[in-house]
């Protein structure tokens, strides 16, 4: 499996199947220039918010990808995807008091889990809650690779992201949705890692995963 960050919360995930077949997943395209969408093969397109900007991006994609914009469970070519609805700008107290009502509201975002190649990934989108509810943690489940926003402007901050990471306990965490180096440095510091060398593409196999805590992977875009 190969994971590429295209900026903001946009990722391309390349999944290998038998007989050299590959599945290309694009999550949250935001800019033709940044994501190179016209030149990328897209088999599955995931949108964590079905807003006007993402609607425009749908029309720019060549081919006919399987589009997911709503919560639920999906299976496409042996790729298992779950969309979990969460609501932005809601306090932990509000969510804990009315968890079912909050998580079924239509104006929220969608957290996606992806299962393929024996790995489980989670993409938090433009996540804004300061912590996950017990119900959300249960739905997300055991995660190998977590993509978490750390920018703190329209999403959770680096410090808040660290708390979310501690709730999910992934093997790998990839920070996203940040512009300033300060946010990255703060996240690395709160994660107990002084510095991490950024790479262009992250390749991972189930057999190479370490069970020794959470590793931070920083990607260029």
N, C-alpha and C. Protein backbone atom coordinates (compact mmCIF):
# COMPACT_ATOMS: atom_id res chain seq x y z
N UNK A 1 0.84 -1.19 0.00
CA UNK A 1 0.00 0.00 0.00
C UNK A 1 0.88 1.25 0.00
N UNK A 2 0.50 2.22 -0.83
CA UNK A 2 1.23 3.49 -0.90
C UNK A 2 0.30 4.64 -0.53
N UNK A 3 0.80 5.56 0.28
CA UNK A 3 0.00 6.69 0.73
C UNK A 3 0.71 7.98 0.34
N UNK A 4 0.01 8.83 -0.41
CA UNK A 4 0.55 10.12 -0.83
C UNK A 4 -0.33 11.23 -0.31
N UNK A 5 0.29 12.27 0.24
CA UNK A 5 -0.45 13.44 0.72
C UNK A 5 -0.39 14.51 -0.35
N UNK A 6 -1.55 15.07 -0.71
CA UNK A 6 -1.64 16.09 -1.74
C UNK A 6 -1.87 17.49 -1.15
N UNK A 7 -1.80 17.62 0.17
CA UNK A 7 -2.06 18.89 0.83
C UNK A 7 -3.42 18.93 1.48
N UNK A 8 -3.57 19.83 2.48
CA UNK A 8 -4.80 19.93 3.27
C UNK A 8 -5.18 18.54 3.78
N UNK A 9 -6.38 18.06 3.43
CA UNK A 9 -6.78 16.72 3.87
C UNK A 9 -6.89 15.76 2.70
N UNK A 10 -6.24 16.09 1.58
CA UNK A 10 -6.31 15.28 0.37
C UNK A 10 -5.21 14.22 0.34
N UNK A 11 -5.60 12.98 0.16
CA UNK A 11 -4.66 11.87 0.06
C UNK A 11 -5.00 11.01 -1.15
N UNK A 12 -3.97 10.40 -1.71
CA UNK A 12 -4.17 9.31 -2.66
C UNK A 12 -3.62 8.04 -2.02
N UNK A 13 -4.43 7.00 -1.99
CA UNK A 13 -4.02 5.71 -1.43
C UNK A 13 -4.07 4.68 -2.54
N UNK A 14 -2.94 4.03 -2.79
CA UNK A 14 -2.84 3.01 -3.82
C UNK A 14 -2.82 1.64 -3.15
N UNK A 15 -3.81 0.84 -3.47
CA UNK A 15 -3.95 -0.49 -2.87
C UNK A 15 -3.66 -1.55 -3.92
N UNK A 16 -2.83 -2.51 -3.57
CA UNK A 16 -2.47 -3.58 -4.50
C UNK A 16 -3.38 -4.78 -4.31
N UNK A 17 -3.81 -5.35 -5.43
CA UNK A 17 -4.61 -6.57 -5.41
C UNK A 17 -3.84 -7.67 -6.15
N UNK A 18 -4.44 -8.80 -6.29
CA UNK A 18 -3.78 -9.90 -6.99
C UNK A 18 -3.61 -9.58 -8.47
N UNK A 19 -2.64 -10.25 -9.09
CA UNK A 19 -2.36 -10.09 -10.53
C UNK A 19 -2.00 -8.66 -10.88
N UNK A 20 -1.27 -8.01 -9.99
CA UNK A 20 -0.74 -6.66 -10.24
C UNK A 20 -1.83 -5.60 -10.43
N UNK A 21 -3.05 -5.88 -10.01
CA UNK A 21 -4.11 -4.89 -10.11
C UNK A 21 -4.00 -3.91 -8.95
N UNK A 22 -4.24 -2.63 -9.22
CA UNK A 22 -4.19 -1.60 -8.19
C UNK A 22 -5.50 -0.83 -8.13
N UNK A 23 -5.85 -0.41 -6.93
CA UNK A 23 -7.03 0.41 -6.69
C UNK A 23 -6.55 1.77 -6.19
N UNK A 24 -7.00 2.84 -6.83
CA UNK A 24 -6.62 4.19 -6.43
C UNK A 24 -7.78 4.88 -5.72
N UNK A 25 -7.53 5.28 -4.47
CA UNK A 25 -8.53 6.01 -3.68
C UNK A 25 -8.07 7.45 -3.51
N UNK A 26 -8.95 8.39 -3.80
CA UNK A 26 -8.67 9.81 -3.54
C UNK A 26 -9.63 10.28 -2.44
N UNK A 27 -9.07 10.95 -1.44
CA UNK A 27 -9.87 11.51 -0.35
C UNK A 27 -9.76 13.02 -0.38
N UNK A 28 -10.89 13.69 -0.38
CA UNK A 28 -10.98 15.15 -0.25
C UNK A 28 -10.12 15.95 -1.24
N UNK A 29 -10.35 15.81 -2.54
CA UNK A 29 -9.63 16.69 -3.48
C UNK A 29 -10.06 18.13 -3.24
N UNK A 30 -9.11 19.06 -3.33
CA UNK A 30 -9.45 20.46 -3.03
C UNK A 30 -8.97 21.42 -4.09
N UNK A 31 -8.04 20.99 -4.94
CA UNK A 31 -7.49 21.89 -5.94
C UNK A 31 -6.93 21.08 -7.09
N UNK A 32 -7.31 21.43 -8.29
CA UNK A 32 -6.78 20.71 -9.45
C UNK A 32 -5.27 20.80 -9.51
N UNK A 33 -4.74 21.98 -9.24
CA UNK A 33 -3.29 22.18 -9.31
C UNK A 33 -2.59 21.37 -8.24
N UNK A 34 -3.13 21.37 -7.03
CA UNK A 34 -2.46 20.70 -5.91
C UNK A 34 -2.57 19.19 -6.01
N UNK A 35 -3.71 18.69 -6.42
CA UNK A 35 -3.91 17.25 -6.39
C UNK A 35 -3.64 16.55 -7.72
N UNK A 36 -3.45 17.34 -8.80
CA UNK A 36 -3.20 16.75 -10.12
C UNK A 36 -4.28 15.75 -10.51
N UNK A 37 -5.51 16.01 -10.13
CA UNK A 37 -6.57 15.04 -10.36
C UNK A 37 -6.76 14.64 -11.82
N UNK A 38 -6.65 15.57 -12.77
CA UNK A 38 -6.85 15.14 -14.15
C UNK A 38 -5.84 14.09 -14.61
N UNK A 39 -4.71 14.00 -13.91
CA UNK A 39 -3.66 13.06 -14.31
C UNK A 39 -3.63 11.82 -13.41
N UNK A 40 -4.51 11.77 -12.44
CA UNK A 40 -4.52 10.64 -11.51
C UNK A 40 -5.67 9.70 -11.83
N UNK A 41 -5.38 8.41 -11.73
CA UNK A 41 -6.44 7.43 -11.86
C UNK A 41 -7.22 7.39 -10.54
N UNK A 42 -8.53 7.46 -10.61
CA UNK A 42 -9.36 7.46 -9.41
C UNK A 42 -10.42 6.37 -9.53
N UNK A 43 -10.31 5.35 -8.70
CA UNK A 43 -11.31 4.28 -8.69
C UNK A 43 -12.38 4.53 -7.63
N UNK A 44 -11.96 5.09 -6.48
CA UNK A 44 -12.88 5.38 -5.38
C UNK A 44 -12.62 6.81 -4.90
N UNK A 45 -13.66 7.60 -4.80
CA UNK A 45 -13.54 8.99 -4.34
C UNK A 45 -14.32 9.16 -3.04
N UNK A 46 -13.63 9.60 -1.99
CA UNK A 46 -14.25 9.81 -0.69
C UNK A 46 -14.27 11.30 -0.37
N UNK A 47 -15.43 11.80 0.04
CA UNK A 47 -15.55 13.19 0.47
C UNK A 47 -16.03 13.21 1.91
N UNK A 48 -15.28 13.86 2.79
CA UNK A 48 -15.69 13.94 4.19
C UNK A 48 -16.73 15.04 4.42
N UNK A 49 -16.82 15.98 3.46
CA UNK A 49 -17.87 16.99 3.49
C UNK A 49 -18.34 17.20 2.06
N UNK A 50 -19.61 17.00 1.82
CA UNK A 50 -20.14 17.14 0.46
C UNK A 50 -20.52 18.60 0.21
N UNK A 51 -19.50 19.48 0.24
CA UNK A 51 -19.77 20.91 0.10
C UNK A 51 -19.58 21.38 -1.34
N UNK A 52 -19.73 22.68 -1.54
CA UNK A 52 -19.70 23.25 -2.90
C UNK A 52 -18.35 23.02 -3.56
N UNK A 53 -17.27 23.21 -2.82
CA UNK A 53 -15.94 23.05 -3.40
C UNK A 53 -15.72 21.61 -3.86
N UNK A 54 -16.10 20.64 -3.05
CA UNK A 54 -15.94 19.26 -3.43
C UNK A 54 -16.87 18.87 -4.58
N UNK A 55 -18.05 19.49 -4.63
CA UNK A 55 -18.96 19.23 -5.74
C UNK A 55 -18.33 19.65 -7.06
N UNK A 56 -17.61 20.78 -7.05
CA UNK A 56 -16.94 21.23 -8.25
C UNK A 56 -15.86 20.24 -8.67
N UNK A 57 -15.17 19.67 -7.69
CA UNK A 57 -14.09 18.76 -7.98
C UNK A 57 -14.58 17.46 -8.61
N UNK A 58 -15.81 17.05 -8.27
CA UNK A 58 -16.35 15.81 -8.84
C UNK A 58 -16.37 15.88 -10.37
N UNK A 59 -16.75 17.04 -10.90
CA UNK A 59 -16.91 17.18 -12.34
C UNK A 59 -15.57 17.22 -13.06
N UNK A 60 -14.47 17.44 -12.35
CA UNK A 60 -13.16 17.54 -12.98
C UNK A 60 -12.44 16.21 -13.08
N UNK A 61 -13.00 15.18 -12.46
CA UNK A 61 -12.35 13.88 -12.43
C UNK A 61 -12.75 13.06 -13.65
N UNK A 62 -11.76 12.55 -14.35
CA UNK A 62 -12.03 11.72 -15.51
C UNK A 62 -12.48 10.33 -15.06
N UNK A 63 -13.24 9.68 -15.92
CA UNK A 63 -13.69 8.34 -15.60
C UNK A 63 -14.95 8.37 -14.76
N UNK A 64 -15.21 7.25 -14.13
CA UNK A 64 -16.44 7.12 -13.34
C UNK A 64 -16.12 6.44 -12.01
N UNK A 65 -15.45 7.16 -11.08
CA UNK A 65 -15.08 6.54 -9.81
C UNK A 65 -16.30 6.25 -8.94
N UNK A 66 -16.16 5.30 -8.05
CA UNK A 66 -17.21 5.02 -7.06
C UNK A 66 -17.16 6.15 -6.04
N UNK A 67 -18.22 6.94 -5.96
CA UNK A 67 -18.25 8.13 -5.11
C UNK A 67 -18.96 7.84 -3.79
N UNK A 68 -18.32 8.20 -2.68
CA UNK A 68 -18.92 8.02 -1.35
C UNK A 68 -18.95 9.37 -0.65
N UNK A 69 -20.15 9.82 -0.29
CA UNK A 69 -20.30 11.10 0.41
C UNK A 69 -21.19 10.98 1.65
N UNK A 70 -21.62 9.76 1.95
CA UNK A 70 -22.56 9.57 3.05
C UNK A 70 -22.08 8.47 3.99
N UNK A 71 -22.51 8.52 5.26
CA UNK A 71 -22.14 7.46 6.21
C UNK A 71 -22.68 6.10 5.75
N UNK A 72 -22.03 5.05 6.22
CA UNK A 72 -22.48 3.71 5.88
C UNK A 72 -21.31 2.79 5.66
N UNK A 73 -21.62 1.55 5.27
CA UNK A 73 -20.59 0.55 5.00
C UNK A 73 -20.59 0.19 3.52
N UNK A 74 -19.39 0.12 2.95
CA UNK A 74 -19.25 -0.13 1.52
C UNK A 74 -18.15 -1.16 1.27
N UNK A 75 -18.35 -1.96 0.24
CA UNK A 75 -17.30 -2.89 -0.21
C UNK A 75 -17.13 -2.73 -1.71
N UNK A 76 -15.95 -2.30 -2.13
CA UNK A 76 -15.65 -2.09 -3.54
C UNK A 76 -14.34 -2.80 -3.86
N UNK A 77 -14.42 -3.85 -4.66
CA UNK A 77 -13.23 -4.58 -5.10
C UNK A 77 -12.36 -5.01 -3.91
N UNK A 78 -12.97 -5.60 -2.93
CA UNK A 78 -12.29 -6.10 -1.74
C UNK A 78 -11.73 -4.99 -0.84
N UNK A 79 -12.14 -3.76 -1.06
CA UNK A 79 -11.79 -2.65 -0.18
C UNK A 79 -13.02 -2.36 0.68
N UNK A 80 -12.83 -2.39 1.99
CA UNK A 80 -13.94 -2.20 2.92
C UNK A 80 -13.88 -0.79 3.51
N UNK A 81 -14.92 -0.03 3.29
CA UNK A 81 -14.96 1.37 3.72
C UNK A 81 -16.16 1.60 4.63
N UNK A 82 -15.91 2.30 5.73
CA UNK A 82 -16.99 2.68 6.63
C UNK A 82 -16.97 4.20 6.81
N UNK A 83 -18.12 4.82 6.60
CA UNK A 83 -18.26 6.25 6.84
C UNK A 83 -19.00 6.48 8.15
N UNK A 84 -18.38 7.25 9.04
CA UNK A 84 -18.94 7.50 10.37
C UNK A 84 -19.24 8.99 10.49
N UNK A 85 -20.49 9.35 10.77
CA UNK A 85 -20.89 10.75 10.85
C UNK A 85 -20.48 11.35 12.19
N UNK A 86 -19.86 12.54 12.12
CA UNK A 86 -19.55 13.31 13.33
C UNK A 86 -19.97 14.75 13.09
N UNK A 87 -20.22 15.48 14.15
CA UNK A 87 -20.75 16.84 14.03
C UNK A 87 -19.71 17.86 14.46
N UNK A 88 -19.44 18.87 13.62
CA UNK A 88 -18.45 19.88 13.98
C UNK A 88 -18.96 20.87 15.02
N UNK A 89 -18.02 21.49 15.73
CA UNK A 89 -18.30 22.57 16.67
C UNK A 89 -19.30 22.19 17.75
N UNK A 90 -19.23 20.96 18.23
CA UNK A 90 -20.09 20.52 19.33
C UNK A 90 -19.21 20.15 20.52
N UNK A 91 -19.60 20.58 21.69
CA UNK A 91 -18.83 20.28 22.87
C UNK A 91 -18.96 18.81 23.25
N UNK A 92 -18.00 18.33 24.02
CA UNK A 92 -18.04 16.94 24.47
C UNK A 92 -19.28 16.69 25.31
N UNK A 93 -19.71 17.71 26.08
CA UNK A 93 -20.89 17.55 26.93
C UNK A 93 -22.14 17.37 26.07
N UNK A 94 -22.27 18.20 25.01
CA UNK A 94 -23.43 18.08 24.13
C UNK A 94 -23.48 16.71 23.46
N UNK A 95 -22.33 16.26 22.99
CA UNK A 95 -22.28 14.99 22.27
C UNK A 95 -22.57 13.83 23.21
N UNK A 96 -22.04 13.89 24.44
CA UNK A 96 -22.26 12.79 25.38
C UNK A 96 -23.71 12.74 25.85
N UNK A 97 -24.38 13.91 25.87
CA UNK A 97 -25.77 13.93 26.31
C UNK A 97 -26.72 13.39 25.24
N UNK A 98 -26.40 13.65 23.96
CA UNK A 98 -27.27 13.21 22.88
C UNK A 98 -26.44 12.60 21.75
N UNK A 99 -25.75 11.49 22.03
CA UNK A 99 -24.82 10.94 21.04
C UNK A 99 -25.48 10.51 19.74
N UNK A 100 -26.63 9.85 19.81
CA UNK A 100 -27.28 9.38 18.59
C UNK A 100 -27.80 10.53 17.75
N UNK A 101 -28.40 11.52 18.43
CA UNK A 101 -28.93 12.68 17.72
C UNK A 101 -27.82 13.45 17.03
N UNK A 102 -26.71 13.67 17.76
CA UNK A 102 -25.61 14.45 17.21
C UNK A 102 -24.97 13.76 16.01
N UNK A 103 -24.75 12.46 16.12
CA UNK A 103 -24.00 11.76 15.10
C UNK A 103 -24.83 11.46 13.86
N UNK A 104 -26.14 11.68 13.92
CA UNK A 104 -26.99 11.45 12.76
C UNK A 104 -27.37 12.74 12.05
N UNK A 105 -26.89 13.87 12.55
CA UNK A 105 -27.20 15.14 11.91
C UNK A 105 -26.51 15.22 10.56
N UNK A 106 -27.16 15.88 9.61
CA UNK A 106 -26.67 15.90 8.23
C UNK A 106 -25.60 16.96 7.98
N UNK A 107 -25.39 17.88 8.92
CA UNK A 107 -24.45 18.97 8.67
C UNK A 107 -23.06 18.68 9.23
N UNK A 108 -22.79 17.44 9.53
CA UNK A 108 -21.49 17.10 10.08
C UNK A 108 -20.50 16.69 9.01
N UNK A 109 -19.40 16.11 9.45
CA UNK A 109 -18.41 15.57 8.54
C UNK A 109 -18.44 14.05 8.66
N UNK A 110 -17.72 13.40 7.78
CA UNK A 110 -17.65 11.95 7.80
C UNK A 110 -16.21 11.52 8.06
N UNK A 111 -16.03 10.70 9.06
CA UNK A 111 -14.76 10.04 9.31
C UNK A 111 -14.80 8.71 8.57
N UNK A 112 -13.74 8.41 7.82
CA UNK A 112 -13.71 7.16 7.06
C UNK A 112 -12.69 6.18 7.62
N UNK A 113 -13.07 4.92 7.69
CA UNK A 113 -12.10 3.85 7.91
C UNK A 113 -12.03 3.05 6.62
N UNK A 114 -10.83 2.59 6.31
CA UNK A 114 -10.58 1.85 5.06
C UNK A 114 -9.83 0.57 5.41
N UNK A 115 -10.34 -0.56 4.97
CA UNK A 115 -9.69 -1.84 5.21
C UNK A 115 -9.25 -2.48 3.91
N UNK A 116 -7.94 -2.75 3.79
CA UNK A 116 -7.40 -3.39 2.59
C UNK A 116 -5.99 -3.89 2.89
N UNK A 117 -5.58 -4.93 2.21
CA UNK A 117 -4.24 -5.51 2.37
C UNK A 117 -3.96 -5.89 3.83
N UNK A 118 -4.99 -6.24 4.57
CA UNK A 118 -4.81 -6.59 5.96
C UNK A 118 -4.56 -5.41 6.88
N UNK A 119 -4.70 -4.19 6.34
CA UNK A 119 -4.47 -2.96 7.10
C UNK A 119 -5.78 -2.20 7.28
N UNK A 120 -5.84 -1.40 8.35
CA UNK A 120 -7.01 -0.54 8.58
C UNK A 120 -6.54 0.90 8.74
N UNK A 121 -7.09 1.76 7.92
CA UNK A 121 -6.75 3.17 7.93
C UNK A 121 -7.94 3.98 8.43
N UNK A 122 -7.66 5.16 8.98
CA UNK A 122 -8.72 6.08 9.39
C UNK A 122 -8.34 7.50 8.97
N UNK A 123 -9.27 8.17 8.29
CA UNK A 123 -9.08 9.55 7.85
C UNK A 123 -10.11 10.40 8.58
N UNK A 124 -9.65 11.36 9.38
CA UNK A 124 -10.54 12.14 10.24
C UNK A 124 -11.13 13.39 9.57
N UNK A 125 -10.72 13.68 8.33
CA UNK A 125 -11.28 14.85 7.66
C UNK A 125 -10.99 16.13 8.43
N UNK A 126 -11.91 17.10 8.32
CA UNK A 126 -11.76 18.37 9.05
C UNK A 126 -12.37 18.22 10.44
N UNK A 127 -11.76 17.36 11.22
CA UNK A 127 -12.30 17.00 12.54
C UNK A 127 -12.20 18.19 13.49
N UNK A 128 -13.27 18.43 14.27
CA UNK A 128 -13.32 19.61 15.13
C UNK A 128 -13.61 19.29 16.60
N UNK A 129 -13.99 18.04 16.89
CA UNK A 129 -14.24 17.69 18.29
C UNK A 129 -12.93 17.63 19.06
N UNK A 130 -12.97 18.02 20.32
CA UNK A 130 -11.76 17.98 21.14
C UNK A 130 -11.44 16.57 21.61
N UNK A 131 -12.43 15.69 21.53
CA UNK A 131 -12.19 14.29 21.87
C UNK A 131 -13.28 13.44 21.22
N UNK A 132 -12.98 12.16 21.07
CA UNK A 132 -13.95 11.23 20.50
C UNK A 132 -14.89 10.73 21.58
N UNK A 133 -16.11 10.42 21.19
CA UNK A 133 -17.03 9.79 22.12
C UNK A 133 -16.74 8.29 22.18
N UNK A 134 -17.24 7.64 23.20
CA UNK A 134 -17.06 6.19 23.33
C UNK A 134 -17.66 5.48 22.12
N UNK A 135 -18.81 5.97 21.67
CA UNK A 135 -19.48 5.38 20.51
C UNK A 135 -18.63 5.51 19.25
N UNK A 136 -18.02 6.67 19.07
CA UNK A 136 -17.16 6.89 17.89
C UNK A 136 -15.91 6.01 17.95
N UNK A 137 -15.31 5.89 19.11
CA UNK A 137 -14.12 5.04 19.27
C UNK A 137 -14.45 3.60 18.92
N UNK A 138 -15.62 3.15 19.37
CA UNK A 138 -16.06 1.78 19.09
C UNK A 138 -16.26 1.57 17.60
N UNK A 139 -16.84 2.55 16.91
CA UNK A 139 -17.07 2.43 15.46
C UNK A 139 -15.76 2.46 14.68
N UNK A 140 -14.83 3.29 15.11
CA UNK A 140 -13.55 3.40 14.42
C UNK A 140 -12.73 2.11 14.58
N UNK A 141 -12.69 1.59 15.79
CA UNK A 141 -12.03 0.32 16.04
C UNK A 141 -10.52 0.38 15.99
N UNK A 142 -9.90 -0.77 15.73
CA UNK A 142 -8.45 -0.91 15.73
C UNK A 142 -7.89 -0.32 14.43
N UNK A 143 -6.96 0.62 14.55
CA UNK A 143 -6.45 1.34 13.38
C UNK A 143 -4.93 1.21 13.28
N UNK A 144 -4.47 0.93 12.06
CA UNK A 144 -3.03 0.86 11.80
C UNK A 144 -2.47 2.22 11.41
N UNK A 145 -3.17 2.94 10.54
CA UNK A 145 -2.69 4.24 10.06
C UNK A 145 -3.79 5.28 10.25
N UNK A 146 -3.47 6.34 10.99
CA UNK A 146 -4.43 7.42 11.26
C UNK A 146 -3.96 8.70 10.60
N UNK A 147 -4.85 9.34 9.82
CA UNK A 147 -4.57 10.65 9.23
C UNK A 147 -5.36 11.69 10.02
N UNK A 148 -4.64 12.58 10.71
CA UNK A 148 -5.28 13.48 11.68
C UNK A 148 -4.91 14.93 11.39
N UNK A 149 -5.90 15.86 11.42
CA UNK A 149 -5.60 17.28 11.23
C UNK A 149 -4.95 17.86 12.48
N UNK A 150 -4.04 18.82 12.28
CA UNK A 150 -3.34 19.41 13.44
C UNK A 150 -3.28 20.94 13.37
N UNK A 151 -3.88 21.54 12.33
CA UNK A 151 -3.68 22.97 12.07
C UNK A 151 -4.26 23.91 13.09
N UNK A 152 -5.41 23.55 13.69
CA UNK A 152 -5.98 24.36 14.75
C UNK A 152 -6.73 25.59 14.30
N UNK A 153 -6.93 25.81 13.02
CA UNK A 153 -7.70 26.96 12.53
C UNK A 153 -9.15 26.53 12.30
N UNK A 154 -9.37 25.68 11.32
CA UNK A 154 -10.71 25.14 11.08
C UNK A 154 -10.83 23.71 11.57
N UNK A 155 -9.79 23.23 12.24
CA UNK A 155 -9.78 21.86 12.76
C UNK A 155 -9.24 21.87 14.19
N UNK A 156 -9.03 20.69 14.74
CA UNK A 156 -8.41 20.59 16.06
C UNK A 156 -6.95 21.03 15.98
N UNK A 157 -6.41 21.43 17.14
CA UNK A 157 -5.03 21.87 17.21
C UNK A 157 -4.09 20.68 17.35
N UNK A 158 -2.80 20.96 17.33
CA UNK A 158 -1.79 19.91 17.48
C UNK A 158 -1.95 19.20 18.83
N UNK A 159 -2.17 19.99 19.87
CA UNK A 159 -2.33 19.41 21.21
C UNK A 159 -3.60 18.56 21.30
N UNK A 160 -4.69 19.06 20.72
CA UNK A 160 -5.94 18.30 20.72
C UNK A 160 -5.81 17.03 19.89
N UNK A 161 -5.06 17.13 18.78
CA UNK A 161 -4.86 15.96 17.92
C UNK A 161 -4.14 14.85 18.67
N UNK A 162 -3.21 15.23 19.53
CA UNK A 162 -2.48 14.24 20.31
C UNK A 162 -3.42 13.45 21.21
N UNK A 163 -4.43 14.13 21.76
CA UNK A 163 -5.40 13.44 22.60
C UNK A 163 -6.23 12.46 21.77
N UNK A 164 -6.60 12.86 20.56
CA UNK A 164 -7.35 11.97 19.68
C UNK A 164 -6.50 10.74 19.34
N UNK A 165 -5.23 10.96 19.07
CA UNK A 165 -4.31 9.86 18.78
C UNK A 165 -4.27 8.89 19.95
N UNK A 166 -4.21 9.43 21.18
CA UNK A 166 -4.15 8.57 22.36
C UNK A 166 -5.44 7.77 22.54
N UNK A 167 -6.56 8.31 22.05
CA UNK A 167 -7.83 7.57 22.14
C UNK A 167 -7.88 6.42 21.14
N UNK A 168 -7.35 6.65 19.95
CA UNK A 168 -7.41 5.63 18.89
C UNK A 168 -6.25 4.64 18.98
N UNK A 169 -5.07 5.12 19.40
CA UNK A 169 -3.87 4.30 19.54
C UNK A 169 -3.48 3.60 18.24
N UNK A 170 -3.28 4.35 17.16
CA UNK A 170 -2.86 3.73 15.90
C UNK A 170 -1.38 3.33 15.94
N UNK A 171 -0.97 2.50 15.00
CA UNK A 171 0.46 2.16 14.88
C UNK A 171 1.23 3.30 14.21
N UNK A 172 0.57 3.92 13.22
CA UNK A 172 1.17 5.02 12.46
C UNK A 172 0.22 6.20 12.49
N UNK A 173 0.75 7.42 12.65
CA UNK A 173 -0.08 8.62 12.54
C UNK A 173 0.56 9.57 11.54
N UNK A 174 -0.27 10.09 10.63
CA UNK A 174 0.19 11.03 9.61
C UNK A 174 -0.53 12.36 9.84
N UNK A 175 0.19 13.42 10.22
CA UNK A 175 -0.46 14.73 10.41
C UNK A 175 -0.85 15.35 9.07
N UNK A 176 -1.97 16.08 9.06
CA UNK A 176 -2.45 16.73 7.84
C UNK A 176 -3.15 18.03 8.22
N UNK A 177 -3.58 18.75 7.21
CA UNK A 177 -4.35 19.97 7.38
C UNK A 177 -3.65 20.99 8.28
N UNK A 178 -2.42 21.31 7.90
CA UNK A 178 -1.68 22.36 8.61
C UNK A 178 -0.85 23.13 7.58
N UNK A 179 -0.64 24.41 7.84
CA UNK A 179 0.17 25.23 6.94
C UNK A 179 1.48 25.65 7.59
N UNK A 180 1.43 25.90 8.88
CA UNK A 180 2.61 26.42 9.56
C UNK A 180 3.46 25.30 10.15
N UNK A 181 4.78 25.49 10.06
CA UNK A 181 5.71 24.52 10.62
C UNK A 181 5.55 24.43 12.13
N UNK A 182 5.11 25.54 12.75
CA UNK A 182 4.91 25.56 14.21
C UNK A 182 3.92 24.48 14.64
N UNK A 183 2.87 24.31 13.86
CA UNK A 183 1.86 23.29 14.19
C UNK A 183 2.47 21.90 14.16
N UNK A 184 3.29 21.64 13.15
CA UNK A 184 3.93 20.34 13.05
C UNK A 184 4.91 20.12 14.19
N UNK A 185 5.70 21.14 14.48
CA UNK A 185 6.67 21.02 15.58
C UNK A 185 5.99 20.79 16.92
N UNK A 186 4.86 21.49 17.12
CA UNK A 186 4.12 21.31 18.37
C UNK A 186 3.55 19.89 18.46
N UNK A 187 3.05 19.40 17.33
CA UNK A 187 2.49 18.04 17.32
C UNK A 187 3.58 17.02 17.62
N UNK A 188 4.72 17.15 16.98
CA UNK A 188 5.83 16.22 17.23
C UNK A 188 6.27 16.28 18.69
N UNK A 189 6.31 17.49 19.24
CA UNK A 189 6.71 17.64 20.63
C UNK A 189 5.74 16.96 21.58
N UNK A 190 4.43 17.17 21.35
CA UNK A 190 3.44 16.56 22.24
C UNK A 190 3.38 15.04 22.05
N UNK A 191 3.83 14.57 20.88
CA UNK A 191 3.89 13.13 20.62
C UNK A 191 5.20 12.53 21.13
N UNK A 192 6.06 13.38 21.69
CA UNK A 192 7.31 12.90 22.25
C UNK A 192 8.39 12.64 21.21
N UNK A 193 8.27 13.26 20.04
CA UNK A 193 9.27 13.10 18.99
C UNK A 193 9.79 14.47 18.59
N UNK A 194 11.10 14.67 18.73
CA UNK A 194 11.69 15.97 18.50
C UNK A 194 11.64 16.37 17.03
N UNK A 195 11.97 15.44 16.15
CA UNK A 195 11.96 15.75 14.73
C UNK A 195 11.74 14.48 13.92
N UNK A 196 11.12 14.64 12.76
CA UNK A 196 10.88 13.52 11.86
C UNK A 196 11.18 13.99 10.45
N UNK A 197 11.97 13.25 9.71
CA UNK A 197 12.29 13.63 8.34
C UNK A 197 11.10 13.36 7.43
N UNK A 198 10.70 14.39 6.70
CA UNK A 198 9.55 14.27 5.80
C UNK A 198 9.91 13.45 4.57
N UNK A 199 8.96 12.66 4.09
CA UNK A 199 9.16 11.84 2.91
C UNK A 199 8.07 12.14 1.90
N UNK A 200 8.31 11.78 0.63
CA UNK A 200 7.35 12.08 -0.43
C UNK A 200 6.20 11.09 -0.49
N UNK A 201 6.49 9.82 -0.19
CA UNK A 201 5.47 8.77 -0.29
C UNK A 201 5.73 7.75 0.81
N UNK A 202 4.65 7.27 1.41
CA UNK A 202 4.77 6.28 2.48
C UNK A 202 4.26 4.94 2.00
N UNK A 203 5.12 3.94 2.02
CA UNK A 203 4.74 2.58 1.64
C UNK A 203 4.69 1.72 2.88
N UNK A 204 3.67 0.88 2.98
CA UNK A 204 3.49 0.10 4.19
C UNK A 204 2.91 -1.28 3.88
N UNK A 205 3.36 -2.26 4.62
CA UNK A 205 2.81 -3.61 4.56
C UNK A 205 2.49 -4.06 5.98
N UNK A 206 1.48 -4.89 6.10
CA UNK A 206 1.04 -5.37 7.41
C UNK A 206 2.19 -6.01 8.19
N UNK A 207 3.02 -6.80 7.51
CA UNK A 207 4.08 -7.53 8.19
C UNK A 207 5.18 -6.62 8.74
N UNK A 208 5.24 -5.38 8.23
CA UNK A 208 6.28 -4.45 8.67
C UNK A 208 5.84 -3.53 9.79
N UNK A 209 4.59 -3.66 10.23
CA UNK A 209 4.09 -2.80 11.30
C UNK A 209 4.76 -3.14 12.63
N UNK A 210 5.08 -2.12 13.38
CA UNK A 210 5.65 -2.32 14.71
C UNK A 210 4.55 -2.17 15.75
N UNK A 211 4.65 -2.97 16.79
CA UNK A 211 3.67 -2.88 17.89
C UNK A 211 4.21 -2.04 19.03
N UNK A 212 5.33 -1.40 18.82
CA UNK A 212 5.99 -0.62 19.85
C UNK A 212 5.56 0.84 19.79
N UNK A 213 4.39 1.16 20.32
CA UNK A 213 3.90 2.53 20.37
C UNK A 213 3.45 3.05 19.01
N UNK A 214 3.23 4.37 18.95
CA UNK A 214 2.76 5.04 17.73
C UNK A 214 3.90 5.79 17.06
N UNK A 215 4.08 5.56 15.78
CA UNK A 215 5.14 6.24 15.00
C UNK A 215 4.51 7.35 14.18
N UNK A 216 5.17 8.52 14.17
CA UNK A 216 4.69 9.65 13.37
C UNK A 216 5.40 9.61 12.02
N UNK A 217 4.62 9.68 10.94
CA UNK A 217 5.16 9.78 9.58
C UNK A 217 4.76 11.14 9.01
N UNK A 218 5.73 11.93 8.58
CA UNK A 218 5.47 13.25 8.01
C UNK A 218 5.67 13.16 6.51
N UNK A 219 4.65 13.58 5.75
CA UNK A 219 4.70 13.52 4.30
C UNK A 219 4.83 14.90 3.68
N UNK A 220 5.61 15.00 2.60
CA UNK A 220 5.64 16.20 1.79
C UNK A 220 4.44 16.22 0.87
N UNK A 221 4.11 17.41 0.35
CA UNK A 221 3.05 17.49 -0.65
C UNK A 221 3.42 18.49 -1.72
